[in-house]
Amino acid sequence: MSWEKRNGTGAYYTTSRRVNGRVVREYIGKGILGEIAHKQDLILRSESSVERESLELQKVEHAALLSDIDSFCDFAECIANGFLVLSGFHKHKRGEWRRRNVNNCK
């Protein structure tokens, strides 16, 4: 999407796109037709830029929400572990929770 000048014929507008992995330049035109295509491309670029910024903002908000959820889960796990220990349970070989046998406690 640029204006080009070749062999002194004046500026004309071209656009590039990928076809089967290759870059293909397409002649749009010069004069008023080139101006219209250029303005249309600028509008499309600004719209996609706004959309990208919106997606970035959503990603940041999502990450903050996930961080809050992770903090809450860590807090809930800490409370649950404390409750289990106070109720007489222990972690067997750092795995599952088991009730402590009070008769064989050393």
C-alpha atoms as a PDB file:
ATOM      1  CA  MET A   1       0.000   0.000   0.000  1.00  0.00           C
ATOM      2  CA  SER A   2       2.148   2.759  -1.266  1.00  0.00           C
ATOM      3  CA  TRP A   3       2.526   5.400  -3.863  1.00  0.00           C
ATOM      4  CA  GLU A   4       5.156   4.619  -6.483  1.00  0.00           C
ATOM      5  CA  LYS A   5       6.831   6.608  -9.200  1.00  0.00           C
ATOM      6  CA  ARG A   6       8.440   4.869 -12.183  1.00  0.00           C
ATOM      7  CA  ASN A   7       9.911   6.296 -15.333  1.00  0.00           C
ATOM      8  CA  GLY A   8       8.507   9.768 -14.714  1.00  0.00           C
ATOM      9  CA  THR A   9       4.908   8.681 -15.323  1.00  0.00           C
ATOM     10  CA  GLY A  10       3.644  10.175 -12.060  1.00  0.00           C
ATOM     11  CA  ALA A  11       2.605   8.554  -8.819  1.00  0.00           C
ATOM     12  CA  TYR A  12       0.317   5.565  -8.791  1.00  0.00           C
ATOM     13  CA  TYR A  13      -1.040   3.529  -5.911  1.00  0.00           C
ATOM     14  CA  THR A  14      -0.209  -0.161  -5.421  1.00  0.00           C
ATOM     15  CA  THR A  15      -1.031  -2.734  -2.800  1.00  0.00           C
ATOM     16  CA  SER A  16       0.728  -5.928  -1.794  1.00  0.00           C
ATOM     17  CA  ARG A  17      -0.856  -9.187  -0.714  1.00  0.00           C
ATOM     18  CA  ARG A  18       0.193 -12.792  -0.277  1.00  0.00           C
ATOM     19  CA  VAL A  19      -0.888 -15.426  -2.765  1.00  0.00           C
ATOM     20  CA  ASN A  20       0.296 -19.000  -2.102  1.00  0.00           C
ATOM     21  CA  GLY A  21       3.134 -17.729   0.100  1.00  0.00           C
ATOM     22  CA  ARG A  22       4.394 -15.188  -2.448  1.00  0.00           C
ATOM     23  CA  VAL A  23       4.026 -11.422  -2.281  1.00  0.00           C
ATOM     24  CA  VAL A  24       2.067 -10.081  -5.248  1.00  0.00           C
ATOM     25  CA  ARG A  25       1.870  -6.354  -5.989  1.00  0.00           C
ATOM     26  CA  GLU A  26      -1.365  -5.141  -7.478  1.00  0.00           C
ATOM     27  CA  TYR A  27      -1.698  -1.912  -9.425  1.00  0.00           C
ATOM     28  CA  ILE A  28      -4.664   0.128  -8.170  1.00  0.00           C
ATOM     29  CA  GLY A  29      -4.422   3.334 -10.111  1.00  0.00           C
ATOM     30  CA  LYS A  30      -3.397   6.962 -10.072  1.00  0.00           C
ATOM     31  CA  GLY A  31      -5.240  10.192  -9.660  1.00  0.00           C
ATOM     32  CA  ILE A  32      -8.603  10.140  -7.936  1.00  0.00           C
ATOM     33  CA  LEU A  33      -8.883   6.322  -8.005  1.00  0.00           C
ATOM     34  CA  GLY A  34      -5.516   5.985  -6.249  1.00  0.00           C
ATOM     35  CA  GLU A  35      -6.518   8.618  -3.690  1.00  0.00           C
ATOM     36  CA  ILE A  36      -9.772   6.797  -2.899  1.00  0.00           C
ATOM     37  CA  ALA A  37      -7.956   3.461  -2.494  1.00  0.00           C
ATOM     38  CA  HIS A  38      -5.301   5.127  -0.322  1.00  0.00           C
ATOM     39  CA  LYS A  39      -7.917   6.720   1.988  1.00  0.00           C
ATOM     40  CA  GLN A  40      -9.802   3.420   2.190  1.00  0.00           C
ATOM     41  CA  ASP A  41      -6.613   1.602   3.212  1.00  0.00           C
ATOM     42  CA  LEU A  42      -5.890   4.245   5.870  1.00  0.00           C
ATOM     43  CA  ILE A  43      -9.380   3.753   7.322  1.00  0.00           C
ATOM     44  CA  LEU A  44      -8.957  -0.043   7.359  1.00  0.00           C
ATOM     45  CA  ARG A  45      -5.563   0.292   9.031  1.00  0.00           C
ATOM     46  CA  SER A  46      -6.898   2.610  11.737  1.00  0.00           C
ATOM     47  CA  GLU A  47      -9.854   0.262  12.379  1.00  0.00           C
ATOM     48  CA  SER A  48      -7.556  -2.735  12.728  1.00  0.00           C
ATOM     49  CA  SER A  49      -5.264  -0.708  14.984  1.00  0.00           C
ATOM     50  CA  VAL A  50      -8.196   0.146  17.269  1.00  0.00           C
ATOM     51  CA  GLU A  51      -9.242  -3.507  17.268  1.00  0.00           C
ATOM     52  CA  ARG A  52      -5.699  -4.625  18.177  1.00  0.00           C
ATOM     53  CA  GLU A  53      -5.560  -2.127  21.040  1.00  0.00           C
ATOM     54  CA  SER A  54      -8.942  -3.342  22.281  1.00  0.00           C
ATOM     55  CA  LEU A  55      -7.738  -6.956  22.222  1.00  0.00           C
ATOM     56  CA  GLU A  56      -4.560  -5.957  24.095  1.00  0.00           C
ATOM     57  CA  LEU A  57      -6.651  -4.227  26.759  1.00  0.00           C
ATOM     58  CA  GLN A  58      -8.843  -7.322  27.082  1.00  0.00           C
ATOM     59  CA  LYS A  59      -5.731  -9.484  27.503  1.00  0.00           C
ATOM     60  CA  VAL A  60      -4.434  -7.222  30.278  1.00  0.00           C
ATOM     61  CA  GLU A  61      -7.806  -7.263  32.047  1.00  0.00           C
ATOM     62  CA  HIS A  62      -7.992 -11.056  31.671  1.00  0.00           C
ATOM     63  CA  ALA A  63      -4.501 -11.485  33.122  1.00  0.00           C
ATOM     64  CA  ALA A  64      -5.399  -9.283  36.093  1.00  0.00           C
ATOM     65  CA  LEU A  65      -8.558 -11.292  36.692  1.00  0.00           C
ATOM     66  CA  LEU A  66      -6.616 -14.573  36.512  1.00  0.00           C
ATOM     67  CA  SER A  67      -4.094 -13.188  38.987  1.00  0.00           C
ATOM     68  CA  ASP A  68      -6.916 -12.342  41.408  1.00  0.00           C
ATOM     69  CA  ILE A  69      -8.395 -15.820  40.991  1.00  0.00           C
ATOM     70  CA  ASP A  70      -4.990 -17.437  41.605  1.00  0.00           C
ATOM     71  CA  SER A  71      -4.557 -15.386  44.786  1.00  0.00           C
ATOM     72  CA  PHE A  72      -8.010 -16.410  45.986  1.00  0.00           C
ATOM     73  CA  CYS A  73      -7.299 -20.106  45.232  1.00  0.00           C
ATOM     74  CA  ASP A  74      -4.004 -19.937  47.152  1.00  0.00           C
ATOM     75  CA  PHE A  75      -5.805 -18.347  50.102  1.00  0.00           C
ATOM     76  CA  ALA A  76      -8.608 -20.954  50.007  1.00  0.00           C
ATOM     77  CA  GLU A  77      -6.051 -23.794  49.851  1.00  0.00           C
ATOM     78  CA  CYS A  78      -4.211 -22.336  52.854  1.00  0.00           C
ATOM     79  CA  ILE A  79      -7.454 -22.128  54.848  1.00  0.00           C
ATOM     80  CA  ALA A  80      -8.418 -25.700  53.865  1.00  0.00           C
ATOM     81  CA  ASN A  81      -4.966 -27.050  54.815  1.00  0.00           C
ATOM     82  CA  GLY A  82      -5.166 -25.309  58.192  1.00  0.00           C
ATOM     83  CA  PHE A  83      -8.628 -26.706  58.809  1.00  0.00           C
ATOM     84  CA  LEU A  84      -7.481 -30.250  57.929  1.00  0.00           C
ATOM     85  CA  VAL A  85      -4.440 -30.025  60.223  1.00  0.00           C
ATOM     86  CA  LEU A  86      -6.596 -28.734  63.081  1.00  0.00           C
ATOM     87  CA  SER A  87      -9.054 -31.587  62.435  1.00  0.00           C
ATOM     88  CA  GLY A  88      -6.328 -34.187  62.919  1.00  0.00           C
ATOM     89  CA  PHE A  89      -5.298 -34.917  59.325  1.00  0.00           C
ATOM     90  CA  HIS A  90      -1.798 -35.016  57.829  1.00  0.00           C
ATOM     91  CA  LYS A  91      -0.342 -35.341  54.366  1.00  0.00           C
ATOM     92  CA  HIS A  92       0.830 -38.874  53.690  1.00  0.00           C
ATOM     93  CA  LYS A  93       4.197 -38.743  51.840  1.00  0.00           C
ATOM     94  CA  ARG A  94       3.333 -35.230  50.623  1.00  0.00           C
ATOM     95  CA  GLY A  95       0.338 -36.655  48.787  1.00  0.00           C
ATOM     96  CA  GLU A  96      -3.159 -37.312  50.014  1.00  0.00           C
ATOM     97  CA  TRP A  97      -4.640 -36.176  53.287  1.00  0.00           C
ATOM     98  CA  ARG A  98      -5.132 -38.917  55.933  1.00  0.00           C
ATOM     99  CA  ARG A  99      -6.557 -38.899  59.424  1.00  0.00           C
ATOM    100  CA  ARG A 100      -3.779 -39.239  61.983  1.00  0.00           C
ATOM    101  CA  ASN A 101      -3.990 -42.407  64.087  1.00  0.00           C
ATOM    102  CA  VAL A 102      -3.933 -41.101  67.657  1.00  0.00           C
ATOM    103  CA  ASN A 103      -3.179 -44.552  69.151  1.00  0.00           C
ATOM    104  CA  ASN A 104       0.070 -45.040  67.213  1.00  0.00           C
ATOM    105  CA  CYS A 105       1.228 -41.411  67.254  1.00  0.00           C
ATOM    106  CA  LYS A 106       4.931 -41.108  68.101  1.00  0.00           C
END
